[in-house]
Amino acid sequence: MLNMRNKNYLPNEFGDGCFGCSPDNSNGLQMKFEADQDTVVSNLTVPKHLCGWNGLIHGGVITTILDEIMSWSAIHLLKKLVMTKTMTVDFINPLHVGDDLTAKGRILKVSSRHEAVIEGFLSNSDNEICAKSEGIFATFSPKVAIRLGIIKDERAKWLSELLGSN
């Protein structure tokens, strides 16, 4: 459970149009994140244009939310950038467009120097877990991300400061 007295709002300068977290993508989720020492949280409401049938949130959108919360968990808690290698999602109960949702992520284990296992949960406004996920993520530094073409040089300085790395 997130200790509200020790909130740490995570900065986000990923203005490259990410569907999950970019503040610049008006068609996306524009997720914002806060964290304590072991949990990352995002409170959000999925807009109507992202529904599946009958006002339910599309399963792909649910999966995106869980992938995003797990990724930001690694960014904040491990101070690493990540890419999803594998991910499983359990859809437990339906989620509705317009409902106030809470996504939470935490690190289960660091299985090697370049890999982590992370879990995510998505709860409705009644605090019922409606979807959960587990993923294996490749971890790397901003320097490696530049070399792989994942980020541009102008983001490297900001990421290095955010992650406390070179």
C-alpha atoms as a PDB file:
ATOM      1  CA  MET A   1       0.000   0.000   0.000  1.00  0.00           C
ATOM      2  CA  LEU A   2       1.301   3.407  -0.928  1.00  0.00           C
ATOM      3  CA  ASN A   3       2.230   5.541   2.055  1.00  0.00           C
ATOM      4  CA  MET A   4       0.579   8.843   1.137  1.00  0.00           C
ATOM      5  CA  ARG A   5       2.907  10.853   3.417  1.00  0.00           C
ATOM      6  CA  ASN A   6       5.938   9.784   1.368  1.00  0.00           C
ATOM      7  CA  LYS A   7       4.529  10.410  -2.116  1.00  0.00           C
ATOM      8  CA  ASN A   8       6.985  10.986  -4.874  1.00  0.00           C
ATOM      9  CA  TYR A   9       5.389  12.247  -8.086  1.00  0.00           C
ATOM     10  CA  LEU A  10       7.380  11.012 -11.030  1.00  0.00           C
ATOM     11  CA  PRO A  11       8.364  13.519 -13.704  1.00  0.00           C
ATOM     12  CA  ASN A  12       7.527  12.606 -17.283  1.00  0.00           C
ATOM     13  CA  GLU A  13       9.172  14.326 -20.221  1.00  0.00           C
ATOM     14  CA  PHE A  14       8.418  11.512 -22.673  1.00  0.00           C
ATOM     15  CA  GLY A  15       6.696  13.811 -25.149  1.00  0.00           C
ATOM     16  CA  ASP A  16       7.180  11.375 -28.010  1.00  0.00           C
ATOM     17  CA  GLY A  17       3.498  10.413 -28.234  1.00  0.00           C
ATOM     18  CA  CYS A  18       3.437   7.300 -26.044  1.00  0.00           C
ATOM     19  CA  PHE A  19      -0.154   6.043 -25.944  1.00  0.00           C
ATOM     20  CA  GLY A  20       0.152   5.154 -22.261  1.00  0.00           C
ATOM     21  CA  CYS A  21       2.037   8.013 -20.631  1.00  0.00           C
ATOM     22  CA  SER A  22       2.761  10.891 -22.965  1.00  0.00           C
ATOM     23  CA  PRO A  23       1.209  14.142 -21.785  1.00  0.00           C
ATOM     24  CA  ASP A  24       1.248  15.215 -25.451  1.00  0.00           C
ATOM     25  CA  ASN A  25      -0.965  12.412 -26.823  1.00  0.00           C
ATOM     26  CA  SER A  26      -4.538  13.694 -26.594  1.00  0.00           C
ATOM     27  CA  ASN A  27      -5.875  10.322 -27.799  1.00  0.00           C
ATOM     28  CA  GLY A  28      -3.906   8.332 -25.216  1.00  0.00           C
ATOM     29  CA  LEU A  29      -4.271   7.565 -21.524  1.00  0.00           C
ATOM     30  CA  GLN A  30      -1.891  10.326 -20.318  1.00  0.00           C
ATOM     31  CA  MET A  31      -1.080   8.278 -17.211  1.00  0.00           C
ATOM     32  CA  LYS A  32       0.640  10.066 -14.335  1.00  0.00           C
ATOM     33  CA  PHE A  33       2.612   8.246 -11.669  1.00  0.00           C
ATOM     34  CA  GLU A  34       3.503   8.559  -8.013  1.00  0.00           C
ATOM     35  CA  ALA A  35       5.617   6.267  -5.910  1.00  0.00           C
ATOM     36  CA  ASP A  36       7.040   5.342  -2.575  1.00  0.00           C
ATOM     37  CA  GLN A  37       9.956   2.983  -1.857  1.00  0.00           C
ATOM     38  CA  ASP A  38       8.359  -0.175  -3.275  1.00  0.00           C
ATOM     39  CA  THR A  39       5.195   0.694  -5.232  1.00  0.00           C
ATOM     40  CA  VAL A  40       4.305   2.848  -8.222  1.00  0.00           C
ATOM     41  CA  VAL A  41       0.681   4.005  -8.560  1.00  0.00           C
ATOM     42  CA  SER A  42      -1.369   5.671 -11.281  1.00  0.00           C
ATOM     43  CA  ASN A  43      -4.929   6.891 -10.818  1.00  0.00           C
ATOM     44  CA  LEU A  44      -6.799   7.266 -14.086  1.00  0.00           C
ATOM     45  CA  THR A  45     -10.134   7.246 -15.843  1.00  0.00           C
ATOM     46  CA  VAL A  46     -10.324   5.616 -19.266  1.00  0.00           C
ATOM     47  CA  PRO A  47     -12.182   7.855 -21.754  1.00  0.00           C
ATOM     48  CA  LYS A  48     -15.184   6.645 -23.744  1.00  0.00           C
ATOM     49  CA  HIS A  49     -13.338   6.526 -27.066  1.00  0.00           C
ATOM     50  CA  LEU A  50     -11.277   3.588 -25.711  1.00  0.00           C
ATOM     51  CA  CYS A  51     -14.180   1.299 -24.882  1.00  0.00           C
ATOM     52  CA  GLY A  52     -14.863  -2.185 -26.086  1.00  0.00           C
ATOM     53  CA  TRP A  53     -18.457  -3.329 -26.344  1.00  0.00           C
ATOM     54  CA  ASN A  54     -21.192  -2.215 -23.941  1.00  0.00           C
ATOM     55  CA  GLY A  55     -19.110   0.468 -22.178  1.00  0.00           C
ATOM     56  CA  LEU A  56     -16.408  -1.952 -21.036  1.00  0.00           C
ATOM     57  CA  ILE A  57     -12.742  -1.039 -21.274  1.00  0.00           C
ATOM     58  CA  HIS A  58     -11.154  -2.883 -24.169  1.00  0.00           C
ATOM     59  CA  GLY A  59      -8.793  -5.695 -23.080  1.00  0.00           C
ATOM     60  CA  GLY A  60      -5.971  -4.173 -25.096  1.00  0.00           C
ATOM     61  CA  VAL A  61      -6.316  -0.924 -23.166  1.00  0.00           C
ATOM     62  CA  ILE A  62      -6.279  -2.822 -19.851  1.00  0.00           C
ATOM     63  CA  THR A  63      -3.132  -4.595 -21.000  1.00  0.00           C
ATOM     64  CA  THR A  64      -1.553  -1.264 -21.955  1.00  0.00           C
ATOM     65  CA  ILE A  65      -2.293   0.196 -18.504  1.00  0.00           C
ATOM     66  CA  LEU A  66      -0.703  -2.817 -16.811  1.00  0.00           C
ATOM     67  CA  ASP A  67       2.334  -2.742 -19.116  1.00  0.00           C
ATOM     68  CA  GLU A  68       2.773   0.964 -18.425  1.00  0.00           C
ATOM     69  CA  ILE A  69       2.535   0.641 -14.626  1.00  0.00           C
ATOM     70  CA  MET A  70       5.031  -2.229 -14.641  1.00  0.00           C
ATOM     71  CA  SER A  71       7.423  -0.273 -16.864  1.00  0.00           C
ATOM     72  CA  TRP A  72       7.282   2.824 -14.678  1.00  0.00           C
ATOM     73  CA  SER A  73       7.810   0.609 -11.635  1.00  0.00           C
ATOM     74  CA  ALA A  74      11.148  -0.441 -13.117  1.00  0.00           C
ATOM     75  CA  ILE A  75      12.063   3.106 -14.126  1.00  0.00           C
ATOM     76  CA  HIS A  76      11.469   4.420 -10.625  1.00  0.00           C
ATOM     77  CA  LEU A  77      12.303   1.482  -8.375  1.00  0.00           C
ATOM     78  CA  LEU A  78      15.219  -0.035 -10.316  1.00  0.00           C
ATOM     79  CA  LYS A  79      16.447   3.211 -11.904  1.00  0.00           C
ATOM     80  CA  LYS A  80      16.564   1.458 -15.279  1.00  0.00           C
ATOM     81  CA  LEU A  81      14.789   1.750 -18.605  1.00  0.00           C
ATOM     82  CA  VAL A  82      12.891  -1.332 -19.699  1.00  0.00           C
ATOM     83  CA  MET A  83      11.282  -3.106 -22.598  1.00  0.00           C
ATOM     84  CA  THR A  84       8.662  -5.790 -22.150  1.00  0.00           C
ATOM     85  CA  LYS A  85       9.891  -9.289 -23.034  1.00  0.00           C
ATOM     86  CA  THR A  86       6.864 -11.319 -21.926  1.00  0.00           C
ATOM     87  CA  MET A  87       3.646 -10.450 -20.156  1.00  0.00           C
ATOM     88  CA  THR A  88       0.612 -12.341 -18.913  1.00  0.00           C
ATOM     89  CA  VAL A  89      -2.690 -10.731 -17.970  1.00  0.00           C
ATOM     90  CA  ASP A  90      -5.506 -12.198 -15.909  1.00  0.00           C
ATOM     91  CA  PHE A  91      -8.822 -10.453 -16.562  1.00  0.00           C
ATOM     92  CA  ILE A  92     -10.728 -11.040 -13.315  1.00  0.00           C
ATOM     93  CA  ASN A  93     -13.717  -8.662 -13.461  1.00  0.00           C
ATOM     94  CA  PRO A  94     -14.960  -6.237 -16.111  1.00  0.00           C
ATOM     95  CA  LEU A  95     -13.826  -2.622 -15.963  1.00  0.00           C
ATOM     96  CA  HIS A  96     -15.999   0.218 -17.208  1.00  0.00           C
ATOM     97  CA  VAL A  97     -15.139   3.343 -19.142  1.00  0.00           C
ATOM     98  CA  GLY A  98     -15.434   6.428 -16.933  1.00  0.00           C
ATOM     99  CA  ASP A  99     -14.764   4.540 -13.687  1.00  0.00           C
ATOM    100  CA  ASP A 100     -11.973   5.785 -11.420  1.00  0.00           C
ATOM    101  CA  LEU A 101      -9.201   3.190 -11.637  1.00  0.00           C
ATOM    102  CA  THR A 102      -5.987   2.588  -9.726  1.00  0.00           C
ATOM    103  CA  ALA A 103      -3.018   0.799 -11.283  1.00  0.00           C
ATOM    104  CA  LYS A 104      -0.199  -0.410  -9.017  1.00  0.00           C
ATOM    105  CA  GLY A 105       3.123  -1.992  -9.850  1.00  0.00           C
ATOM    106  CA  ARG A 106       5.998  -3.481  -7.911  1.00  0.00           C
ATOM    107  CA  ILE A 107       9.158  -5.448  -8.524  1.00  0.00           C
ATOM    108  CA  LEU A 108       8.939  -9.158  -7.760  1.00  0.00           C
ATOM    109  CA  LYS A 109      12.581  -9.960  -8.403  1.00  0.00           C
ATOM    110  CA  VAL A 110      15.618  -8.977 -10.377  1.00  0.00           C
ATOM    111  CA  SER A 111      16.451 -12.235 -12.090  1.00  0.00           C
ATOM    112  CA  SER A 112      19.698 -11.136 -13.707  1.00  0.00           C
ATOM    113  CA  ARG A 113      21.732  -8.008 -14.327  1.00  0.00           C
ATOM    114  CA  HIS A 114      19.552  -7.139 -17.342  1.00  0.00           C
ATOM    115  CA  GLU A 115      16.176  -8.645 -16.462  1.00  0.00           C
ATOM    116  CA  ALA A 116      13.425  -8.093 -13.878  1.00  0.00           C
ATOM    117  CA  VAL A 117      10.091  -9.701 -13.039  1.00  0.00           C
ATOM    118  CA  ILE A 118       7.404  -7.127 -12.272  1.00  0.00           C
ATOM    119  CA  GLU A 119       3.735  -7.393 -11.340  1.00  0.00           C
ATOM    120  CA  GLY A 120       0.845  -5.023 -11.903  1.00  0.00           C
ATOM    121  CA  PHE A 121      -2.699  -4.718 -10.601  1.00  0.00           C
ATOM    122  CA  LEU A 122      -5.672  -2.715 -11.847  1.00  0.00           C
ATOM    123  CA  SER A 123      -8.487  -1.948  -9.394  1.00  0.00           C
ATOM    124  CA  ASN A 124     -11.884  -0.319  -9.824  1.00  0.00           C
ATOM    125  CA  SER A 125     -13.344   2.471  -7.677  1.00  0.00           C
ATOM    126  CA  ASP A 126     -14.502  -0.130  -5.117  1.00  0.00           C
ATOM    127  CA  ASN A 127     -10.824  -1.144  -4.708  1.00  0.00           C
ATOM    128  CA  GLU A 128     -11.497  -4.595  -6.215  1.00  0.00           C
ATOM    129  CA  ILE A 129      -8.634  -6.028  -8.258  1.00  0.00           C
ATOM    130  CA  CYS A 130     -10.131  -6.526 -11.716  1.00  0.00           C
ATOM    131  CA  ALA A 131      -6.979  -7.364 -13.689  1.00  0.00           C
ATOM    132  CA  LYS A 132      -3.474  -8.425 -12.766  1.00  0.00           C
ATOM    133  CA  SER A 133      -0.317  -9.045 -14.711  1.00  0.00           C
ATOM    134  CA  GLU A 134       3.203 -10.296 -14.468  1.00  0.00           C
ATOM    135  CA  GLY A 135       5.965  -9.544 -16.909  1.00  0.00           C
ATOM    136  CA  ILE A 136       9.599 -10.146 -17.605  1.00  0.00           C
ATOM    137  CA  PHE A 137      11.334  -6.941 -18.622  1.00  0.00           C
ATOM    138  CA  ALA A 138      14.738  -6.333 -20.176  1.00  0.00           C
ATOM    139  CA  THR A 139      16.517  -3.556 -18.245  1.00  0.00           C
ATOM    140  CA  PHE A 140      19.125  -1.151 -19.583  1.00  0.00           C
ATOM    141  CA  SER A 141      20.747   2.244 -19.070  1.00  0.00           C
ATOM    142  CA  PRO A 142      20.067   5.437 -21.077  1.00  0.00           C
ATOM    143  CA  LYS A 143      23.411   4.950 -22.873  1.00  0.00           C
ATOM    144  CA  VAL A 144      22.288   1.532 -24.119  1.00  0.00           C
ATOM    145  CA  ALA A 145      18.894   2.982 -25.075  1.00  0.00           C
ATOM    146  CA  ILE A 146      20.628   5.588 -27.254  1.00  0.00           C
ATOM    147  CA  ARG A 147      22.819   2.938 -28.874  1.00  0.00           C
ATOM    148  CA  LEU A 148      19.728   0.807 -29.632  1.00  0.00           C
ATOM    149  CA  GLY A 149      17.852   3.799 -31.055  1.00  0.00           C
ATOM    150  CA  ILE A 150      15.152   3.631 -28.354  1.00  0.00           C
ATOM    151  CA  ILE A 151      15.675   7.219 -27.174  1.00  0.00           C
ATOM    152  CA  LYS A 152      17.194  10.281 -28.777  1.00  0.00           C
ATOM    153  CA  ASP A 153      20.235  12.105 -27.463  1.00  0.00           C
ATOM    154  CA  GLU A 154      18.163  15.064 -26.230  1.00  0.00           C
ATOM    155  CA  ARG A 155      16.245  12.764 -23.821  1.00  0.00           C
ATOM    156  CA  ALA A 156      19.412  11.128 -22.496  1.00  0.00           C
ATOM    157  CA  LYS A 157      20.367  13.966 -20.146  1.00  0.00           C
ATOM    158  CA  TRP A 158      16.878  14.100 -18.606  1.00  0.00           C
ATOM    159  CA  LEU A 159      16.761  10.297 -18.253  1.00  0.00           C
ATOM    160  CA  SER A 160      20.220  10.112 -16.745  1.00  0.00           C
ATOM    161  CA  GLU A 161      19.214  12.715 -14.146  1.00  0.00           C
ATOM    162  CA  LEU A 162      15.909  10.930 -13.457  1.00  0.00           C
ATOM    163  CA  LEU A 163      17.589   7.562 -13.080  1.00  0.00           C
ATOM    164  CA  GLY A 164      20.707   8.842 -11.337  1.00  0.00           C
ATOM    165  CA  SER A 165      22.917   7.203 -13.954  1.00  0.00           C
ATOM    166  CA  ASN A 166      25.363   8.101 -16.683  1.00  0.00           C
END
